[in-house]
C-alpha atoms as a PDB file:
ATOM      1  CA  MET A   1    -114.506  33.045  50.063  1.00  0.00           C
ATOM      2  CA  ILE A   2    -111.135  32.233  51.563  1.00  0.00           C
ATOM      3  CA  GLN A   3    -109.082  34.906  51.003  1.00  0.00           C
ATOM      4  CA  GLU A   4    -104.839  34.062  50.762  1.00  0.00           C
ATOM      5  CA  PRO A   5    -102.645  36.019  53.476  1.00  0.00           C
ATOM      6  CA  GLU A   6    -101.375  38.519  52.928  1.00  0.00           C
ATOM      7  CA  LEU A   7     -97.422  38.193  52.130  1.00  0.00           C
ATOM      8  CA  PRO A   8     -95.123  40.338  54.802  1.00  0.00           C
ATOM      9  CA  GLU A   9     -93.619  43.467  52.765  1.00  0.00           C
ATOM     10  CA  PRO A  10     -90.231  42.268  52.614  1.00  0.00           C
ATOM     11  CA  GLU A  11     -87.209  44.277  54.174  1.00  0.00           C
ATOM     12  CA  ALA A  12     -85.166  46.797  52.309  1.00  0.00           C
ATOM     13  CA  THR A  13     -81.304  46.368  53.043  1.00  0.00           C
ATOM     14  CA  ARG A  14     -78.410  47.048  51.248  1.00  0.00           C
ATOM     15  CA  ARG A  15     -76.505  44.159  51.267  1.00  0.00           C
ATOM     16  CA  GLY A  16     -73.787  41.892  48.084  1.00  0.00           C
ATOM     17  CA  ALA A  17     -76.301  39.651  46.210  1.00  0.00           C
ATOM     18  CA  ASP A  18     -74.031  37.640  43.211  1.00  0.00           C
ATOM     19  CA  VAL A  19     -74.947  37.035  39.765  1.00  0.00           C
ATOM     20  CA  ALA A  20     -76.968  33.972  40.162  1.00  0.00           C
ATOM     21  CA  GLU A  21     -79.286  35.810  42.911  1.00  0.00           C
ATOM     22  CA  SER A  22     -79.945  38.616  41.644  1.00  0.00           C
ATOM     23  CA  SER A  23     -80.433  36.913  38.142  1.00  0.00           C
ATOM     24  CA  ARG A  24     -84.179  34.684  40.105  1.00  0.00           C
ATOM     25  CA  ALA A  25     -84.647  37.966  42.293  1.00  0.00           C
ATOM     26  CA  SER A  26     -85.713  40.394  39.378  1.00  0.00           C
ATOM     27  CA  ARG A  27     -86.930  36.908  36.449  1.00  0.00           C
ATOM     28  CA  GLY A  28     -89.663  36.367  40.347  1.00  0.00           C
ATOM     29  CA  TRP A  29     -89.994  40.319  40.749  1.00  0.00           C
ATOM     30  CA  TRP A  30     -91.111  40.965  37.286  1.00  0.00           C
ATOM     31  CA  ASP A  31     -92.925  37.723  37.157  1.00  0.00           C
ATOM     32  CA  ARG A  32     -94.873  39.081  39.996  1.00  0.00           C
ATOM     33  CA  ASN A  33     -95.257  42.316  39.444  1.00  0.00           C
ATOM     34  CA  ALA A  34     -95.805  41.970  35.677  1.00  0.00           C
ATOM     35  CA  ASP A  35     -99.400  43.227  35.993  1.00  0.00           C
ATOM     36  CA  GLU A  36     -99.287  46.155  38.025  1.00  0.00           C
ATOM     37  CA  TYR A  37     -96.269  48.118  36.022  1.00  0.00           C
ATOM     38  CA  GLN A  38     -98.023  47.701  32.824  1.00  0.00           C
ATOM     39  CA  ARG A  39    -101.674  49.517  34.745  1.00  0.00           C
ATOM     40  CA  ASP A  40     -99.644  51.750  35.649  1.00  0.00           C
ATOM     41  CA  HIS A  41     -97.387  52.695  33.123  1.00  0.00           C
ATOM     42  CA  GLY A  42     -98.989  51.265  30.299  1.00  0.00           C
ATOM     43  CA  ALA A  43    -100.454  54.066  29.044  1.00  0.00           C
ATOM     44  CA  PHE A  44     -97.566  56.753  29.864  1.00  0.00           C
ATOM     45  CA  LEU A  45     -95.380  54.372  27.456  1.00  0.00           C
ATOM     46  CA  GLY A  46     -97.651  53.565  25.014  1.00  0.00           C
ATOM     47  CA  ASP A  47     -98.414  50.257  22.725  1.00  0.00           C
ATOM     48  CA  ASP A  48     -95.752  51.588  20.378  1.00  0.00           C
ATOM     49  CA  ARG A  49     -93.978  54.167  21.258  1.00  0.00           C
ATOM     50  CA  PHE A  50     -90.264  53.627  22.169  1.00  0.00           C
ATOM     51  CA  VAL A  51     -89.262  55.840  25.090  1.00  0.00           C
ATOM     52  CA  TRP A  52     -86.488  55.743  27.173  1.00  0.00           C
ATOM     53  CA  GLY A  53     -87.177  56.544  30.477  1.00  0.00           C
ATOM     54  CA  PRO A  54     -89.818  58.686  33.000  1.00  0.00           C
ATOM     55  CA  GLU A  55     -88.904  62.281  31.871  1.00  0.00           C
ATOM     56  CA  GLY A  56     -90.568  60.588  28.226  1.00  0.00           C
ATOM     57  CA  LEU A  57     -87.283  60.965  25.957  1.00  0.00           C
ATOM     58  CA  ASP A  58     -89.013  59.640  22.639  1.00  0.00           C
ATOM     59  CA  GLU A  59     -86.641  57.927  19.907  1.00  0.00           C
ATOM     60  CA  ALA A  60     -88.700  59.546  17.303  1.00  0.00           C
ATOM     61  CA  GLN A  61     -87.258  63.002  18.405  1.00  0.00           C
ATOM     62  CA  ALA A  62     -83.758  61.541  19.741  1.00  0.00           C
ATOM     63  CA  ALA A  63     -82.897  59.238  17.042  1.00  0.00           C
ATOM     64  CA  LEU A  64     -80.213  57.330  19.590  1.00  0.00           C
ATOM     65  CA  LEU A  65     -80.334  54.834  17.293  1.00  0.00           C
ATOM     66  CA  GLY A  66     -79.892  56.544  14.128  1.00  0.00           C
ATOM     67  CA  PRO A  67     -82.470  58.241  11.679  1.00  0.00           C
ATOM     68  CA  ALA A  68     -85.628  56.291  11.889  1.00  0.00           C
ATOM     69  CA  ALA A  69     -85.825  56.751   8.451  1.00  0.00           C
ATOM     70  CA  GLU A  70     -82.424  53.594   8.208  1.00  0.00           C
ATOM     71  CA  LEU A  71     -84.066  51.815  10.674  1.00  0.00           C
ATOM     72  CA  LYS A  72     -86.095  49.844   8.091  1.00  0.00           C
ATOM     73  CA  GLY A  73     -84.948  45.895   6.863  1.00  0.00           C
ATOM     74  CA  LYS A  74     -82.141  46.562  10.525  1.00  0.00           C
ATOM     75  CA  ASP A  75     -81.401  43.609  12.909  1.00  0.00           C
ATOM     76  CA  VAL A  76     -82.474  44.872  16.563  1.00  0.00           C
ATOM     77  CA  LEU A  77     -82.248  42.740  19.824  1.00  0.00           C
ATOM     78  CA  GLU A  78     -84.604  44.937  22.707  1.00  0.00           C
ATOM     79  CA  ILE A  79     -82.970  43.749  26.143  1.00  0.00           C
ATOM     80  CA  GLY A  80     -85.292  43.552  28.617  1.00  0.00           C
ATOM     81  CA  ALA A  81     -88.141  44.596  26.155  1.00  0.00           C
ATOM     82  CA  GLY A  82     -90.780  44.434  29.162  1.00  0.00           C
ATOM     83  CA  ALA A  83     -94.026  44.486  26.914  1.00  0.00           C
ATOM     84  CA  ALA A  84     -92.222  45.335  23.618  1.00  0.00           C
ATOM     85  CA  GLN A  85     -92.685  49.056  23.706  1.00  0.00           C
ATOM     86  CA  CYS A  86     -89.829  49.537  21.855  1.00  0.00           C
ATOM     87  CA  SER A  87     -90.218  47.021  19.259  1.00  0.00           C
ATOM     88  CA  ARG A  88     -93.099  47.447  18.356  1.00  0.00           C
ATOM     89  CA  TRP A  89     -92.427  50.339  17.247  1.00  0.00           C
ATOM     90  CA  LEU A  90     -89.477  49.592  16.133  1.00  0.00           C
ATOM     91  CA  ALA A  91     -90.985  47.430  13.262  1.00  0.00           C
ATOM     92  CA  ALA A  92     -93.227  49.522  12.507  1.00  0.00           C
ATOM     93  CA  GLN A  93     -90.232  51.730  11.254  1.00  0.00           C
ATOM     94  CA  GLY A  94     -89.287  48.414   8.856  1.00  0.00           C
ATOM     95  CA  ALA A  95     -86.846  46.787  11.238  1.00  0.00           C
ATOM     96  CA  ARG A  96     -86.432  43.246  12.013  1.00  0.00           C
ATOM     97  CA  PRO A  97     -86.417  43.843  16.006  1.00  0.00           C
ATOM     98  CA  VAL A  98     -86.030  40.487  18.787  1.00  0.00           C
ATOM     99  CA  ALA A  99     -87.867  41.567  22.104  1.00  0.00           C
ATOM    100  CA  LEU A 100     -86.100  39.670  24.859  1.00  0.00           C
ATOM    101  CA  ASP A 101     -86.643  39.690  28.626  1.00  0.00           C
ATOM    102  CA  LEU A 102     -86.352  37.237  31.813  1.00  0.00           C
ATOM    103  CA  SER A 103     -89.600  37.575  32.716  1.00  0.00           C
ATOM    104  CA  HIS A 104     -92.474  34.780  30.835  1.00  0.00           C
ATOM    105  CA  ARG A 105     -95.450  37.441  32.489  1.00  0.00           C
ATOM    106  CA  GLN A 106     -93.757  40.320  30.962  1.00  0.00           C
ATOM    107  CA  LEU A 107     -93.718  38.637  27.604  1.00  0.00           C
ATOM    108  CA  GLN A 108     -97.200  37.777  28.277  1.00  0.00           C
ATOM    109  CA  HIS A 109     -97.769  41.678  28.486  1.00  0.00           C
ATOM    110  CA  ALA A 110     -96.098  41.290  24.495  1.00  0.00           C
ATOM    111  CA  LEU A 111     -98.351  38.975  23.482  1.00  0.00           C
ATOM    112  CA  ARG A 112    -101.371  40.538  25.609  1.00  0.00           C
ATOM    113  CA  ILE A 113    -100.581  43.422  22.793  1.00  0.00           C
ATOM    114  CA  GLY A 114     -99.712  41.804  19.994  1.00  0.00           C
ATOM    115  CA  ALA A 115     -96.492  40.519  18.789  1.00  0.00           C
ATOM    116  CA  GLU A 116     -96.831  41.256  14.983  1.00  0.00           C
ATOM    117  CA  GLY A 117     -93.526  41.743  12.716  1.00  0.00           C
ATOM    118  CA  PHE A 118     -91.157  40.941  16.019  1.00  0.00           C
ATOM    119  CA  GLY A 119     -89.444  37.311  17.672  1.00  0.00           C
ATOM    120  CA  LEU A 120     -89.917  37.325  21.661  1.00  0.00           C
ATOM    121  CA  VAL A 121     -87.265  34.936  23.374  1.00  0.00           C
ATOM    122  CA  GLN A 122     -86.944  34.827  27.528  1.00  0.00           C
ATOM    123  CA  ALA A 123     -83.733  34.717  28.403  1.00  0.00           C
ATOM    124  CA  ASP A 124     -81.189  35.782  30.849  1.00  0.00           C
ATOM    125  CA  ALA A 125     -78.934  39.036  29.715  1.00  0.00           C
ATOM    126  CA  GLY A 126     -75.721  38.005  30.599  1.00  0.00           C
ATOM    127  CA  ALA A 127     -75.888  35.033  28.059  1.00  0.00           C
ATOM    128  CA  LEU A 128     -77.873  35.501  25.139  1.00  0.00           C
ATOM    129  CA  PRO A 129     -79.034  32.473  22.971  1.00  0.00           C
ATOM    130  CA  PHE A 130     -78.128  34.137  19.839  1.00  0.00           C
ATOM    131  CA  ALA A 131     -74.977  33.689  17.418  1.00  0.00           C
ATOM    132  CA  ASP A 132     -72.224  35.626  16.537  1.00  0.00           C
ATOM    133  CA  GLY A 133     -72.977  39.299  15.020  1.00  0.00           C
ATOM    134  CA  SER A 134     -76.753  38.537  14.744  1.00  0.00           C
ATOM    135  CA  PHE A 135     -77.684  41.945  15.408  1.00  0.00           C
ATOM    136  CA  ASP A 136     -76.627  45.756  13.711  1.00  0.00           C
ATOM    137  CA  LEU A 137     -78.233  47.625  16.974  1.00  0.00           C
ATOM    138  CA  ALA A 138     -79.301  47.094  20.188  1.00  0.00           C
ATOM    139  CA  CYS A 139     -81.398  48.611  22.988  1.00  0.00           C
ATOM    140  CA  SER A 140     -82.136  48.577  26.201  1.00  0.00           C
ATOM    141  CA  ALA A 141     -84.668  50.929  28.260  1.00  0.00           C
ATOM    142  CA  TYR A 142     -84.171  50.831  31.307  1.00  0.00           C
ATOM    143  CA  GLY A 143     -83.995  46.848  30.984  1.00  0.00           C
ATOM    144  CA  ALA A 144     -81.093  44.278  32.500  1.00  0.00           C
ATOM    145  CA  LEU A 145     -78.611  46.418  33.248  1.00  0.00           C
ATOM    146  CA  PRO A 146     -79.455  47.851  36.494  1.00  0.00           C
ATOM    147  CA  PHE A 147     -80.484  44.943  37.565  1.00  0.00           C
ATOM    148  CA  VAL A 148     -77.154  43.058  37.275  1.00  0.00           C
ATOM    149  CA  ALA A 149     -74.653  42.099  39.541  1.00  0.00           C
ATOM    150  CA  ASP A 150     -71.817  41.699  36.068  1.00  0.00           C
ATOM    151  CA  PRO A 151     -72.836  44.071  34.141  1.00  0.00           C
ATOM    152  CA  VAL A 152     -69.803  43.642  31.617  1.00  0.00           C
ATOM    153  CA  GLN A 153     -70.320  40.407  31.626  1.00  0.00           C
ATOM    154  CA  VAL A 154     -73.703  41.597  29.697  1.00  0.00           C
ATOM    155  CA  LEU A 155     -72.130  44.040  27.668  1.00  0.00           C
ATOM    156  CA  ARG A 156     -69.215  41.589  25.802  1.00  0.00           C
ATOM    157  CA  GLU A 157     -72.713  39.681  25.416  1.00  0.00           C
ATOM    158  CA  VAL A 158     -74.436  42.580  23.749  1.00  0.00           C
ATOM    159  CA  ARG A 159     -70.722  43.253  21.808  1.00  0.00           C
ATOM    160  CA  ARG A 160     -70.610  39.637  20.905  1.00  0.00           C
ATOM    161  CA  VAL A 161     -74.229  39.323  19.402  1.00  0.00           C
ATOM    162  CA  LEU A 162     -72.921  42.332  17.078  1.00  0.00           C
ATOM    163  CA  ARG A 163     -71.655  43.445  14.066  1.00  0.00           C
ATOM    164  CA  PRO A 164     -68.847  45.407  13.547  1.00  0.00           C
ATOM    165  CA  GLY A 165     -70.458  49.027  13.077  1.00  0.00           C
ATOM    166  CA  GLY A 166     -73.505  48.263  15.292  1.00  0.00           C
ATOM    167  CA  ARG A 167     -74.965  50.181  17.480  1.00  0.00           C
ATOM    168  CA  PHE A 168     -76.240  50.011  21.238  1.00  0.00           C
ATOM    169  CA  VAL A 169     -78.037  52.470  23.440  1.00  0.00           C
ATOM    170  CA  PHE A 170     -79.224  52.029  26.972  1.00  0.00           C
ATOM    171  CA  SER A 171     -80.889  53.863  29.888  1.00  0.00           C
ATOM    172  CA  VAL A 172     -80.349  53.224  33.231  1.00  0.00           C
ATOM    173  CA  THR A 173     -80.678  55.472  36.813  1.00  0.00           C
ATOM    174  CA  HIS A 174     -78.638  58.298  36.334  1.00  0.00           C
ATOM    175  CA  PRO A 175     -75.789  57.057  38.798  1.00  0.00           C
ATOM    176  CA  ILE A 176     -76.766  59.946  40.643  1.00  0.00           C
ATOM    177  CA  ARG A 177     -79.668  59.787  42.429  1.00  0.00           C
ATOM    178  CA  TRP A 178     -78.167  57.356  44.388  1.00  0.00           C
ATOM    179  CA  ALA A 179     -76.758  59.525  46.366  1.00  0.00           C
ATOM    180  CA  PHE A 180     -80.403  60.474  47.575  1.00  0.00           C
ATOM    181  CA  PRO A 181     -84.138  59.340  48.252  1.00  0.00           C
ATOM    182  CA  ASP A 182     -85.442  57.244  46.164  1.00  0.00           C
ATOM    183  CA  GLU A 183     -88.798  60.167  46.799  1.00  0.00           C
ATOM    184  CA  PRO A 184     -90.556  62.552  44.505  1.00  0.00           C
ATOM    185  CA  GLY A 185     -90.968  65.359  47.118  1.00  0.00           C
ATOM    186  CA  PRO A 186     -88.954  67.685  48.715  1.00  0.00           C
ATOM    187  CA  GLU A 187     -87.896  65.078  51.136  1.00  0.00           C
ATOM    188  CA  GLY A 188     -85.793  62.982  47.287  1.00  0.00           C
ATOM    189  CA  LEU A 189     -84.108  66.794  47.794  1.00  0.00           C
ATOM    190  CA  SER A 190     -80.891  66.327  50.322  1.00  0.00           C
ATOM    191  CA  VAL A 191     -77.895  64.181  49.673  1.00  0.00           C
ATOM    192  CA  ALA A 192     -78.850  61.040  52.514  1.00  0.00           C
ATOM    193  CA  ALA A 193     -76.040  58.631  51.924  1.00  0.00           C
ATOM    194  CA  SER A 194     -72.504  57.987  49.240  1.00  0.00           C
ATOM    195  CA  TYR A 195     -72.572  57.992  45.543  1.00  0.00           C
ATOM    196  CA  PHE A 196     -69.695  55.984  45.896  1.00  0.00           C
ATOM    197  CA  ASP A 197     -71.406  53.676  48.052  1.00  0.00           C
ATOM    198  CA  ARG A 198     -71.733  50.371  45.744  1.00  0.00           C
ATOM    199  CA  THR A 199     -73.413  48.004  47.935  1.00  0.00           C
ATOM    200  CA  PRO A 200     -77.231  47.166  45.916  1.00  0.00           C
ATOM    201  CA  TYR A 201     -79.986  47.452  47.534  1.00  0.00           C
ATOM    202  CA  VAL A 202     -81.538  44.217  48.081  1.00  0.00           C
ATOM    203  CA  GLU A 203     -84.961  43.864  48.909  1.00  0.00           C
ATOM    204  CA  GLN A 204     -85.178  39.852  51.030  1.00  0.00           C
ATOM    205  CA  ASP A 205     -87.843  37.561  52.313  1.00  0.00           C
ATOM    206  CA  GLU A 206     -88.646  36.496  56.282  1.00  0.00           C
ATOM    207  CA  GLN A 207     -85.524  34.228  55.193  1.00  0.00           C
ATOM    208  CA  GLY A 208     -83.405  36.572  53.778  1.00  0.00           C
ATOM    209  CA  ARG A 209     -83.796  35.127  50.006  1.00  0.00           C
ATOM    210  CA  ALA A 210     -82.981  38.195  47.560  1.00  0.00           C
ATOM    211  CA  VAL A 211     -86.893  38.913  45.628  1.00  0.00           C
ATOM    212  CA  TYR A 212     -85.610  42.292  44.493  1.00  0.00           C
ATOM    213  CA  VAL A 213     -81.363  43.538  43.519  1.00  0.00           C
ATOM    214  CA  GLU A 214     -80.617  46.877  42.221  1.00  0.00           C
ATOM    215  CA  HIS A 215     -76.889  47.506  41.398  1.00  0.00           C
ATOM    216  CA  HIS A 216     -75.551  50.719  41.702  1.00  0.00           C
ATOM    217  CA  ARG A 217     -72.324  52.167  38.973  1.00  0.00           C
ATOM    218  CA  THR A 218     -71.317  55.526  39.796  1.00  0.00           C
ATOM    219  CA  LEU A 219     -71.022  57.127  36.517  1.00  0.00           C
ATOM    220  CA  GLY A 220     -67.156  56.572  35.483  1.00  0.00           C
ATOM    221  CA  ASP A 221     -67.824  52.976  36.024  1.00  0.00           C
ATOM    222  CA  ARG A 222     -70.544  52.988  33.510  1.00  0.00           C
ATOM    223  CA  VAL A 223     -68.148  54.887  31.192  1.00  0.00           C
ATOM    224  CA  ARG A 224     -65.288  51.968  32.414  1.00  0.00           C
ATOM    225  CA  ASP A 225     -67.570  48.492  32.182  1.00  0.00           C
ATOM    226  CA  VAL A 226     -68.520  49.957  28.499  1.00  0.00           C
ATOM    227  CA  VAL A 227     -64.621  50.326  27.366  1.00  0.00           C
ATOM    228  CA  ALA A 228     -63.618  46.368  29.644  1.00  0.00           C
ATOM    229  CA  ALA A 229     -66.490  44.810  27.255  1.00  0.00           C
ATOM    230  CA  GLY A 230     -64.989  45.877  24.200  1.00  0.00           C
ATOM    231  CA  LEU A 231     -66.565  48.770  23.518  1.00  0.00           C
ATOM    232  CA  ARG A 232     -66.624  52.688  22.196  1.00  0.00           C
ATOM    233  CA  LEU A 233     -69.032  55.019  24.123  1.00  0.00           C
ATOM    234  CA  VAL A 234     -69.927  57.587  20.965  1.00  0.00           C
ATOM    235  CA  ASP A 235     -72.635  59.812  23.381  1.00  0.00           C
ATOM    236  CA  LEU A 236     -73.855  59.740  27.446  1.00  0.00           C
ATOM    237  CA  VAL A 237     -77.468  61.808  27.259  1.00  0.00           C
ATOM    238  CA  GLU A 238     -78.549  63.034  30.042  1.00  0.00           C
ATOM    239  CA  PRO A 239     -82.502  64.354  29.204  1.00  0.00           C
ATOM    240  CA  GLU A 240     -84.293  67.585  30.405  1.00  0.00           C
ATOM    241  CA  TRP A 241     -87.005  67.481  32.541  1.00  0.00           C
ATOM    242  CA  PRO A 242     -89.907  68.643  29.699  1.00  0.00           C
ATOM    243  CA  ALA A 243     -92.520  70.949  31.004  1.00  0.00           C
ATOM    244  CA  TRP A 244     -95.441  68.726  29.215  1.00  0.00           C
ATOM    245  CA  ASN A 245     -94.275  65.993  31.862  1.00  0.00           C
ATOM    246  CA  SER A 246     -96.730  66.472  34.546  1.00  0.00           C
ATOM    247  CA  GLN A 247     -96.096  63.264  35.992  1.00  0.00           C
ATOM    248  CA  GLU A 248     -94.760  61.303  39.029  1.00  0.00           C
ATOM    249  CA  TRP A 249     -93.246  57.494  38.593  1.00  0.00           C
ATOM    250  CA  GLY A 250     -91.515  56.544  41.391  1.00  0.00           C
ATOM    251  CA  GLY A 251     -88.824  58.982  42.407  1.00  0.00           C
ATOM    252  CA  TRP A 252     -89.320  60.574  39.574  1.00  0.00           C
ATOM    253  CA  SER A 253     -91.322  63.999  39.212  1.00  0.00           C
ATOM    254  CA  PRO A 254     -91.031  67.387  37.642  1.00  0.00           C
ATOM    255  CA  LEU A 255     -89.570  68.921  40.910  1.00  0.00           C
ATOM    256  CA  ARG A 256     -86.805  66.387  41.264  1.00  0.00           C
ATOM    257  CA  GLY A 257     -86.197  66.352  37.291  1.00  0.00           C
ATOM    258  CA  ASN A 258     -85.796  70.152  36.773  1.00  0.00           C
ATOM    259  CA  LEU A 259     -83.876  70.000  39.636  1.00  0.00           C
ATOM    260  CA  ILE A 260     -80.854  66.873  38.504  1.00  0.00           C
ATOM    261  CA  PRO A 261     -81.295  64.009  36.440  1.00  0.00           C
ATOM    262  CA  GLY A 262     -83.249  60.988  36.569  1.00  0.00           C
ATOM    263  CA  THR A 263     -82.019  59.241  33.672  1.00  0.00           C
ATOM    264  CA  ALA A 264     -78.633  58.209  31.979  1.00  0.00           C
ATOM    265  CA  ILE A 265     -78.548  57.404  27.944  1.00  0.00           C
ATOM    266  CA  PHE A 266     -75.195  55.119  26.833  1.00  0.00           C
ATOM    267  CA  VAL A 267     -74.491  55.629  23.115  1.00  0.00           C
ATOM    268  CA  CYS A 268     -71.673  52.499  21.885  1.00  0.00           C
ATOM    269  CA  VAL A 269     -70.820  51.322  19.664  1.00  0.00           C
ATOM    270  CA  ARG A 270     -68.841  47.698  18.243  1.00  0.00           C
ATOM    271  CA  ASP A 271     -65.743  49.332  16.150  1.00  0.00           C
ATOM    272  CA  GLN A 272     -64.439  46.116  15.594  1.00  0.00           C
END
């Protein structure tokens, strides 16, 4: 049996990455890594739970989209849905969700688990393929926004497809984490970089092509992005690490989670 040669590890660097390069890198990375991601984290996420981040904050208790009993009949867009775990939970509450993701392979995992009661759409969050005012609610649990070069464009698109009074809730890595090494142990507790350095984190191949891109925004940047898109910020949730959660997930861990926030959740409304 002939083994394929192992590809060299990508080079990690900090450099600029525009909208097109970031989108290409994200699509390729998630297509290549969806299997491993679902294998490693699928048990924690569950098939039909709505978890906002590695802390394990559950929408069933948090009700950031509104009381579960009031979701019935609501049109909901999930952005960066992955295997559509959140949409599956929403459908179980009687909502009419649509799960959107850039990655074809992630959506294949959604089909593998089951997509009864909701639609699947492959598209870029910066150009949502829906008519104005199509949804009552929108949500994104670590989907799209950490990886896009122009978050205001995504937020404007979300506002466009929301009906007046509609709510958008999204979670991202807490901006303070960018000042610390992405390590779950004690080495991740010392400031190593400037919080104010917005230069994207890029992993690139031997030809210098980005294969993974993540963009940093300060907390103030995120607030200004929401306002610039015409949305109103009504809450900012920083989940505390719960005693029951003993897992490590990348740079998230009980050690760090008990000392510094790991996730920021923005609750926004389209007023007009």
